[in-house]
């Protein structure tokens, strides 16, 4: 899986950690500063190896891994 992330340094750190919990980070690009109205924010490219649905269900039955509650995470998020 490949993703481009945009955010502050703290947001990128949190997102990278959360995505790394879902799989394995294969490649992490350097942070590119954004300009204009997005000054203070960065872009980051990540390439991840993520388990298939069958592997996830096997992990869940073994007691490993948890799903992220995005609604709860968004409720706790502070504006940049």
N, C-alpha and C. Protein backbone atom coordinates (compact mmCIF):
# COMPACT_ATOMS: atom_id res chain seq x y z
N UNK A 1 0.85 -1.16 0.00
CA UNK A 1 0.00 0.00 0.00
C UNK A 1 0.90 1.23 0.00
N UNK A 2 0.53 2.24 -0.76
CA UNK A 2 1.28 3.48 -0.82
C UNK A 2 0.36 4.63 -0.42
N UNK A 3 0.88 5.54 0.41
CA UNK A 3 0.08 6.70 0.83
C UNK A 3 0.95 7.94 0.87
N UNK A 4 0.32 9.06 0.56
CA UNK A 4 0.91 10.38 0.80
C UNK A 4 0.17 10.97 1.97
N UNK A 5 0.91 11.43 2.95
CA UNK A 5 0.31 12.06 4.13
C UNK A 5 0.67 13.54 4.14
N UNK A 6 -0.22 14.36 4.63
CA UNK A 6 0.03 15.79 4.78
C UNK A 6 -0.36 16.18 6.20
N UNK A 7 0.51 16.95 6.86
CA UNK A 7 0.18 17.39 8.21
C UNK A 7 1.38 18.00 8.90
N UNK A 8 1.19 18.32 10.17
CA UNK A 8 2.29 18.84 10.98
C UNK A 8 3.23 17.69 11.32
N UNK A 9 4.38 18.02 11.87
CA UNK A 9 5.32 16.97 12.26
C UNK A 9 4.67 15.98 13.23
N UNK A 10 3.96 16.50 14.22
CA UNK A 10 3.31 15.64 15.22
C UNK A 10 2.25 14.75 14.57
N UNK A 11 1.46 15.32 13.66
CA UNK A 11 0.43 14.53 12.97
C UNK A 11 1.05 13.43 12.12
N UNK A 12 2.14 13.76 11.42
CA UNK A 12 2.81 12.76 10.60
C UNK A 12 3.41 11.65 11.46
N UNK A 13 3.99 12.02 12.60
CA UNK A 13 4.53 11.01 13.52
C UNK A 13 3.43 10.06 13.99
N UNK A 14 2.28 10.64 14.39
CA UNK A 14 1.16 9.82 14.88
C UNK A 14 0.59 8.93 13.78
N UNK A 15 0.42 9.48 12.58
CA UNK A 15 -0.13 8.69 11.48
C UNK A 15 0.83 7.58 11.07
N UNK A 16 2.12 7.87 11.04
CA UNK A 16 3.11 6.86 10.68
C UNK A 16 3.10 5.73 11.69
N UNK A 17 3.03 6.07 12.98
CA UNK A 17 3.00 5.05 14.03
C UNK A 17 1.74 4.19 13.91
N UNK A 18 0.59 4.83 13.66
CA UNK A 18 -0.67 4.08 13.53
C UNK A 18 -0.63 3.15 12.33
N UNK A 19 -0.12 3.64 11.20
CA UNK A 19 -0.04 2.79 10.01
C UNK A 19 0.98 1.68 10.18
N UNK A 20 2.06 1.94 10.89
CA UNK A 20 3.07 0.91 11.13
C UNK A 20 2.48 -0.21 12.00
N UNK A 21 1.51 0.12 12.86
CA UNK A 21 0.84 -0.91 13.66
C UNK A 21 -0.01 -1.83 12.79
N UNK A 22 -0.44 -1.34 11.63
CA UNK A 22 -1.27 -2.15 10.73
C UNK A 22 -0.44 -3.09 9.87
N UNK A 23 0.82 -2.76 9.69
CA UNK A 23 1.67 -3.57 8.83
C UNK A 23 3.13 -3.23 9.05
N UNK A 24 3.89 -3.27 7.98
CA UNK A 24 5.33 -3.02 8.04
C UNK A 24 5.68 -1.89 7.08
N UNK A 25 6.38 -0.86 7.57
CA UNK A 25 6.79 0.24 6.71
C UNK A 25 7.98 -0.22 5.88
N UNK A 26 7.79 -0.29 4.57
CA UNK A 26 8.84 -0.73 3.65
C UNK A 26 9.71 0.44 3.24
N UNK A 27 9.07 1.58 2.98
CA UNK A 27 9.80 2.77 2.55
C UNK A 27 9.15 4.00 3.14
N UNK A 28 9.98 4.89 3.67
CA UNK A 28 9.48 6.16 4.19
C UNK A 28 10.30 7.27 3.54
N UNK A 29 9.61 8.13 2.79
CA UNK A 29 10.28 9.24 2.13
C UNK A 29 10.65 10.33 3.12
N UNK A 30 11.33 11.34 2.61
CA UNK A 30 11.65 12.46 3.49
C UNK A 30 10.46 13.40 3.54
N UNK A 31 10.39 14.18 4.60
CA UNK A 31 9.30 15.15 4.74
C UNK A 31 9.59 16.36 3.86
N UNK A 32 8.58 16.72 3.07
CA UNK A 32 8.71 17.88 2.19
C UNK A 32 7.87 19.01 2.75
N UNK A 33 8.51 20.15 3.06
CA UNK A 33 7.74 21.29 3.59
C UNK A 33 6.77 21.83 2.54
N UNK A 34 5.61 22.22 3.01
CA UNK A 34 4.60 22.82 2.13
C UNK A 34 4.66 24.33 2.31
N UNK A 35 4.20 25.07 1.34
CA UNK A 35 4.27 26.53 1.41
C UNK A 35 2.90 27.17 1.37
N UNK A 36 2.89 28.48 1.28
CA UNK A 36 1.63 29.23 1.19
C UNK A 36 0.79 29.07 2.44
N UNK A 37 -0.50 28.81 2.23
CA UNK A 37 -1.41 28.67 3.37
C UNK A 37 -1.12 27.40 4.17
N UNK A 38 -0.33 26.49 3.60
CA UNK A 38 0.03 25.25 4.30
C UNK A 38 1.40 25.31 4.95
N UNK A 39 1.96 26.51 5.10
CA UNK A 39 3.27 26.66 5.75
C UNK A 39 3.21 26.03 7.15
N UNK A 40 4.25 25.31 7.52
CA UNK A 40 4.28 24.62 8.80
C UNK A 40 3.79 23.18 8.71
N UNK A 41 3.33 22.80 7.52
CA UNK A 41 2.88 21.43 7.29
C UNK A 41 3.84 20.77 6.31
N UNK A 42 3.80 19.44 6.27
CA UNK A 42 4.73 18.67 5.45
C UNK A 42 3.98 17.58 4.72
N UNK A 43 4.58 17.09 3.62
CA UNK A 43 4.08 15.91 2.90
C UNK A 43 5.05 14.78 3.16
N UNK A 44 4.52 13.57 3.26
CA UNK A 44 5.34 12.40 3.52
C UNK A 44 4.79 11.21 2.75
N UNK A 45 5.67 10.50 2.07
CA UNK A 45 5.29 9.30 1.31
C UNK A 45 5.64 8.07 2.14
N UNK A 46 4.71 7.13 2.23
CA UNK A 46 4.95 5.85 2.91
C UNK A 46 4.55 4.70 2.01
N UNK A 47 5.34 3.65 2.02
CA UNK A 47 4.98 2.39 1.37
C UNK A 47 4.93 1.34 2.48
N UNK A 48 3.80 0.63 2.55
CA UNK A 48 3.56 -0.33 3.63
C UNK A 48 3.23 -1.70 3.08
N UNK A 49 3.59 -2.72 3.83
CA UNK A 49 3.12 -4.08 3.57
C UNK A 49 2.05 -4.35 4.62
N UNK A 50 0.82 -4.57 4.17
CA UNK A 50 -0.32 -4.75 5.07
C UNK A 50 -0.86 -6.17 4.90
N UNK A 51 -1.21 -6.79 6.02
CA UNK A 51 -1.73 -8.17 5.99
C UNK A 51 -3.07 -8.23 5.28
N UNK A 52 -3.34 -9.35 4.63
CA UNK A 52 -4.64 -9.58 3.98
C UNK A 52 -5.72 -9.81 5.02
N UNK A 53 -6.97 -9.81 4.60
CA UNK A 53 -8.09 -10.02 5.52
C UNK A 53 -7.97 -11.37 6.22
N UNK A 54 -7.55 -12.41 5.50
CA UNK A 54 -7.41 -13.74 6.11
C UNK A 54 -6.35 -13.71 7.21
N UNK A 55 -5.24 -13.04 6.94
CA UNK A 55 -4.17 -12.95 7.94
C UNK A 55 -4.63 -12.13 9.14
N UNK A 56 -5.39 -11.05 8.88
CA UNK A 56 -5.89 -10.23 10.00
C UNK A 56 -6.82 -11.03 10.89
N UNK A 57 -7.71 -11.83 10.30
CA UNK A 57 -8.64 -12.61 11.12
C UNK A 57 -7.88 -13.67 11.92
N UNK A 58 -6.81 -14.22 11.34
CA UNK A 58 -5.97 -15.16 12.07
C UNK A 58 -5.30 -14.47 13.25
N UNK A 59 -4.80 -13.25 13.02
CA UNK A 59 -4.16 -12.49 14.10
C UNK A 59 -5.17 -12.17 15.20
N UNK A 60 -6.39 -11.77 14.80
CA UNK A 60 -7.41 -11.41 15.79
C UNK A 60 -7.78 -12.61 16.63
N UNK A 61 -7.86 -13.79 16.02
CA UNK A 61 -8.22 -14.98 16.79
C UNK A 61 -7.08 -15.41 17.71
N UNK A 62 -5.86 -14.97 17.38
CA UNK A 62 -4.71 -15.26 18.24
C UNK A 62 -4.53 -14.20 19.31
N UNK A 63 -5.42 -13.21 19.33
CA UNK A 63 -5.32 -12.15 20.33
C UNK A 63 -4.42 -10.99 19.91
N UNK A 64 -3.93 -10.97 18.68
CA UNK A 64 -3.05 -9.89 18.25
C UNK A 64 -3.78 -8.84 17.46
N UNK A 65 -3.36 -7.61 17.58
CA UNK A 65 -3.89 -6.51 16.79
C UNK A 65 -5.26 -6.05 17.23
N UNK A 66 -5.50 -4.76 17.05
CA UNK A 66 -6.79 -4.16 17.35
C UNK A 66 -7.14 -3.18 16.24
N UNK A 67 -8.43 -2.95 16.05
CA UNK A 67 -8.86 -1.96 15.09
C UNK A 67 -8.78 -0.58 15.73
N UNK A 68 -8.52 0.42 14.92
CA UNK A 68 -8.47 1.80 15.40
C UNK A 68 -9.88 2.38 15.32
N UNK A 69 -10.34 2.98 16.41
CA UNK A 69 -11.63 3.66 16.43
C UNK A 69 -11.41 5.09 15.93
N UNK A 70 -11.65 5.30 14.62
CA UNK A 70 -11.38 6.60 14.02
C UNK A 70 -12.27 7.71 14.58
N UNK A 71 -13.51 7.40 14.91
CA UNK A 71 -14.41 8.41 15.47
C UNK A 71 -13.87 8.92 16.80
N UNK A 72 -13.43 8.01 17.64
CA UNK A 72 -12.86 8.41 18.94
C UNK A 72 -11.57 9.19 18.75
N UNK A 73 -10.73 8.77 17.80
CA UNK A 73 -9.47 9.47 17.54
C UNK A 73 -9.73 10.89 17.04
N UNK A 74 -10.72 11.04 16.17
CA UNK A 74 -11.05 12.37 15.65
C UNK A 74 -11.59 13.28 16.75
N UNK A 75 -12.35 12.70 17.69
CA UNK A 75 -12.92 13.49 18.78
C UNK A 75 -11.82 14.05 19.68
N UNK A 76 -10.71 13.32 19.80
CA UNK A 76 -9.61 13.75 20.66
C UNK A 76 -8.62 14.66 19.95
N UNK A 77 -8.71 14.74 18.63
CA UNK A 77 -7.76 15.52 17.83
C UNK A 77 -7.95 17.00 18.08
N UNK A 78 -6.82 17.69 18.24
CA UNK A 78 -6.84 19.14 18.41
C UNK A 78 -6.52 19.81 17.08
N UNK A 79 -7.12 20.96 16.81
CA UNK A 79 -6.80 21.66 15.56
C UNK A 79 -5.32 22.07 15.54
N UNK A 80 -4.74 22.11 14.34
CA UNK A 80 -3.33 22.48 14.19
C UNK A 80 -3.10 23.93 14.48
